[in-house]
Protein backbone atom coordinates (compact mmCIF):
# COMPACT_ATOMS: atom_id res chain seq x y z
CA MET A 1 40.37 -43.29 -6.81
CA GLU A 2 37.18 -41.80 -5.39
CA VAL A 3 34.80 -40.21 -7.84
CA LEU A 4 33.13 -37.14 -6.41
CA LYS A 5 29.66 -36.22 -7.60
CA VAL A 6 28.57 -32.71 -8.45
CA PRO A 7 25.79 -31.64 -6.08
CA THR A 8 22.33 -31.15 -7.50
CA VAL A 9 21.09 -27.67 -6.58
CA THR A 10 17.61 -26.14 -6.52
CA ALA A 11 16.76 -22.63 -5.42
CA THR A 12 13.61 -20.62 -4.81
CA GLY A 13 13.05 -16.92 -4.49
CA GLY A 14 9.76 -15.22 -4.91
CA SER A 15 7.75 -12.11 -5.27
CA VAL A 16 7.40 -9.50 -2.52
CA CYS A 17 6.07 -5.99 -2.22
CA SER A 18 8.50 -3.10 -1.91
CA GLY A 19 9.60 -2.95 1.73
CA GLY A 20 8.99 -6.68 2.24
CA THR A 21 11.56 -9.41 2.88
CA ILE A 22 13.00 -11.48 0.05
CA THR A 23 13.57 -15.04 1.20
CA LEU A 24 16.06 -17.04 -0.86
CA ASN A 25 16.32 -20.80 -0.37
CA ALA A 26 18.89 -23.26 -1.72
CA ASN A 27 18.86 -27.03 -1.44
CA ALA A 28 21.66 -29.31 -2.50
CA THR A 29 21.57 -33.06 -2.90
CA LEU A 30 24.93 -34.27 -1.61
CA THR A 31 26.60 -37.69 -1.57
CA GLY A 32 28.67 -39.47 1.00
CA GLY A 33 27.97 -37.16 3.89
CA SER A 34 29.49 -34.18 2.15
CA ILE A 35 29.10 -30.77 3.67
CA ALA A 36 28.16 -27.98 1.31
CA SER A 37 29.03 -24.32 1.31
CA TYR A 38 26.84 -21.70 -0.30
CA ALA A 39 27.80 -18.49 -2.08
CA TRP A 40 24.98 -16.16 -3.17
CA THR A 41 25.36 -13.09 -5.40
CA GLY A 42 22.72 -10.75 -6.75
CA PRO A 43 21.59 -7.22 -7.59
CA ASN A 44 23.09 -4.20 -5.79
CA GLY A 45 26.24 -6.14 -4.86
CA PHE A 46 24.31 -8.63 -2.72
CA THR A 47 26.42 -11.49 -1.33
CA SER A 48 25.75 -14.10 1.31
CA THR A 49 27.24 -17.38 2.47
CA SER A 50 24.01 -18.45 4.17
CA GLN A 51 22.09 -21.37 2.70
CA ASN A 52 18.81 -19.47 3.02
CA PRO A 53 19.46 -15.71 3.25
CA ASN A 54 16.82 -13.03 3.78
CA ILE A 55 16.88 -9.50 2.40
CA PRO A 56 14.71 -7.31 4.66
CA SER A 57 13.12 -4.02 3.57
CA ALA A 58 13.70 -4.81 -0.10
CA THR A 59 13.62 -1.88 -2.51
CA LEU A 60 12.78 -2.08 -6.20
CA ASN A 61 16.54 -2.17 -6.93
CA ALA A 62 16.77 -5.54 -5.17
CA GLY A 63 14.72 -7.20 -7.91
CA GLY A 64 16.59 -9.35 -10.39
CA THR A 65 18.55 -12.56 -10.79
CA TYR A 66 20.24 -14.18 -7.80
CA THR A 67 22.88 -16.88 -8.29
CA VAL A 68 23.86 -19.50 -5.74
CA ILE A 69 27.01 -21.59 -6.10
CA VAL A 70 27.11 -24.72 -3.98
CA THR A 71 30.44 -26.37 -3.28
CA ALA A 72 30.73 -29.90 -1.86
CA ASN A 73 34.26 -31.27 -1.56
CA THR A 74 35.85 -29.86 -4.72
CA CYS A 75 32.73 -30.04 -6.89
CA THR A 76 30.51 -27.06 -7.56
CA ALA A 77 27.10 -26.49 -9.05
CA ALA A 78 25.17 -23.29 -9.60
CA THR A 79 21.63 -22.20 -10.25
CA THR A 80 19.71 -18.94 -10.42
CA VAL A 81 16.42 -17.63 -9.14
CA VAL A 82 14.61 -14.38 -9.86
CA GLY A 83 13.54 -12.11 -7.01
CA VAL A 84 10.63 -9.89 -7.98
CA ILE A 85 9.97 -6.68 -6.04
CA ASN A 86 6.52 -5.26 -6.79
CA PRO A 87 6.04 -1.52 -6.32
CA LEU A 88 3.45 -0.32 -3.81
CA PRO A 89 0.22 0.98 -5.30
CA SER A 90 -0.36 4.75 -5.46
CA PRO A 91 -3.72 5.46 -3.83
CA ASN A 92 -5.49 8.71 -4.63
CA ILE A 93 -8.47 10.44 -3.02
CA VAL A 94 -10.74 13.05 -4.62
CA THR A 95 -13.58 14.64 -2.59
CA ASN A 96 -16.12 17.37 -3.14
CA SER A 97 -15.02 19.00 0.15
CA PRO A 98 -15.60 21.63 1.44
CA ILE A 99 -19.38 21.28 1.54
CA CYS A 100 -22.17 22.44 3.83
CA SER A 101 -23.90 20.33 6.43
CA GLY A 102 -26.80 18.39 4.90
CA GLN A 103 -25.10 17.98 1.52
CA ALA A 104 -23.76 14.67 0.18
CA LEU A 105 -20.06 13.93 0.65
CA ASN A 106 -18.59 12.11 -2.34
CA LEU A 107 -15.34 10.19 -1.79
CA THR A 108 -13.58 8.87 -4.90
CA GLY A 109 -10.70 6.42 -4.67
CA SER A 110 -8.27 5.09 -7.25
CA GLY A 111 -4.98 3.21 -7.47
CA GLY A 112 -5.92 -0.34 -6.50
CA VAL A 113 -8.18 -3.30 -7.13
CA SER A 114 -9.72 -3.34 -3.65
CA TYR A 115 -10.50 -0.43 -1.34
CA SER A 116 -11.02 0.17 2.37
CA TRP A 117 -12.10 3.53 3.80
CA SER A 118 -12.19 4.78 7.38
CA GLY A 119 -13.08 8.18 8.76
CA PRO A 120 -14.65 10.24 11.54
CA GLY A 121 -17.56 8.93 13.56
CA GLY A 122 -16.67 5.29 12.85
CA PHE A 123 -17.17 5.64 9.09
CA THR A 124 -16.00 2.59 7.11
CA SER A 125 -16.63 1.41 3.58
CA MET A 126 -15.28 -1.23 1.20
CA ASN A 127 -16.64 0.65 -1.84
CA GLN A 128 -14.25 2.35 -4.22
CA ASN A 129 -16.39 5.50 -4.33
CA PRO A 130 -18.60 5.78 -1.23
CA THR A 131 -21.05 8.60 -0.54
CA ILE A 132 -22.41 9.94 2.74
CA PRO A 133 -25.81 11.22 1.54
CA SER A 134 -26.55 13.78 4.26
CA THR A 135 -23.58 15.06 6.22
CA SER A 136 -23.21 16.82 9.53
CA VAL A 137 -20.29 18.76 10.97
CA GLY A 138 -19.33 15.50 12.74
CA ASN A 139 -18.37 14.05 9.34
CA SER A 140 -15.50 16.56 9.13
CA GLY A 141 -11.98 15.19 9.58
CA ASN A 142 -9.40 12.83 8.20
CA TYR A 143 -10.49 10.06 5.79
CA VAL A 144 -8.03 7.22 5.16
CA LEU A 145 -8.06 5.15 1.97
CA THR A 146 -6.17 1.84 1.92
CA VAL A 147 -5.81 0.14 -1.46
CA THR A 148 -4.57 -3.29 -2.44
CA ASP A 149 -3.25 -3.93 -5.95
CA ALA A 150 -3.31 -7.08 -8.11
CA ASN A 151 -0.01 -8.25 -6.56
CA GLY A 152 -1.41 -8.04 -3.03
CA CYS A 153 0.66 -4.95 -2.22
CA VAL A 154 -1.00 -2.45 0.14
CA ASN A 155 -0.61 1.31 0.58
CA SER A 156 -2.65 4.11 2.20
CA THR A 157 -3.26 7.82 1.84
CA ASN A 158 -5.53 10.32 3.59
CA SER A 159 -7.49 13.47 2.95
CA ASN A 160 -8.98 16.06 5.30
CA VAL A 161 -12.68 16.75 4.66
CA VAL A 162 -14.40 19.97 5.76
CA ILE A 163 -18.14 20.09 6.44
CA ASN A 164 -19.23 23.66 7.19
CA PRO A 165 -22.26 24.25 9.43
CA THR A 166 -25.35 25.57 7.73
CA PRO A 167 -25.87 29.19 8.80
CA ASN A 168 -28.96 30.05 10.84
CA ALA A 169 -30.54 32.93 8.96
CA SER A 170 -33.18 35.18 10.41
CA ALA A 171 -34.90 38.25 9.10
CA ALA A 172 -37.08 40.90 10.70
CA GLY A 173 -39.09 43.70 9.29
CA GLY A 174 -41.95 46.00 10.10
CA THR A 175 -45.05 47.28 8.56
CA ALA A 176 -45.33 50.54 6.69
CA CYS A 177 -47.80 52.44 4.70
CA GLU A 178 -47.43 52.95 1.01
CA ASN A 179 -44.63 55.33 0.04
CA GLN A 180 -43.06 55.13 3.52
CA ASN A 181 -39.73 53.63 4.45
CA VAL A 182 -39.64 50.26 6.10
CA SER A 183 -36.82 48.94 8.28
CA LEU A 184 -35.56 45.40 7.45
CA SER A 185 -32.79 43.48 9.22
CA ALA A 186 -31.14 40.08 8.72
CA ASN A 187 -28.39 38.07 10.41
CA GLY A 188 -26.91 34.61 10.43
């Protein structure tokens, strides 16, 4: 009578950002040249017969416990692994736009632990809250904020900034004697 040994099974999962790919791995220690079959189950009705399945474009609902059952000959063993799906950060931009040319543009970012800005005229900054001290009309346009959270997940948002040109004012007047009308004009 041959004694069959139960396979020893290990599995790994991991942590991914929402939209990433969950990679599940199973390894079985088999005896006597046995061939194993794999049966995975998990959240949202997930099933797979692959030894190392992938779940692309994972949503938050894909997070949870995954079970793999390994069968070799007539012996089975099972183990579980947790797949963690981290939500994307929610970046937010606040500006003091619209402003006039020559004024300071204040950009305020939130929603992450690291920040990267880009904007018109080659503007870039790694500061959370950068300032352009003296603006011109060329600073008008779309500013993009990309944030990274503590889990390494990345997301972006944008905001349109308006820099109005400073008006060119001019005034003209004349001379007059006391108690006479004077003509004044202005434009700009």
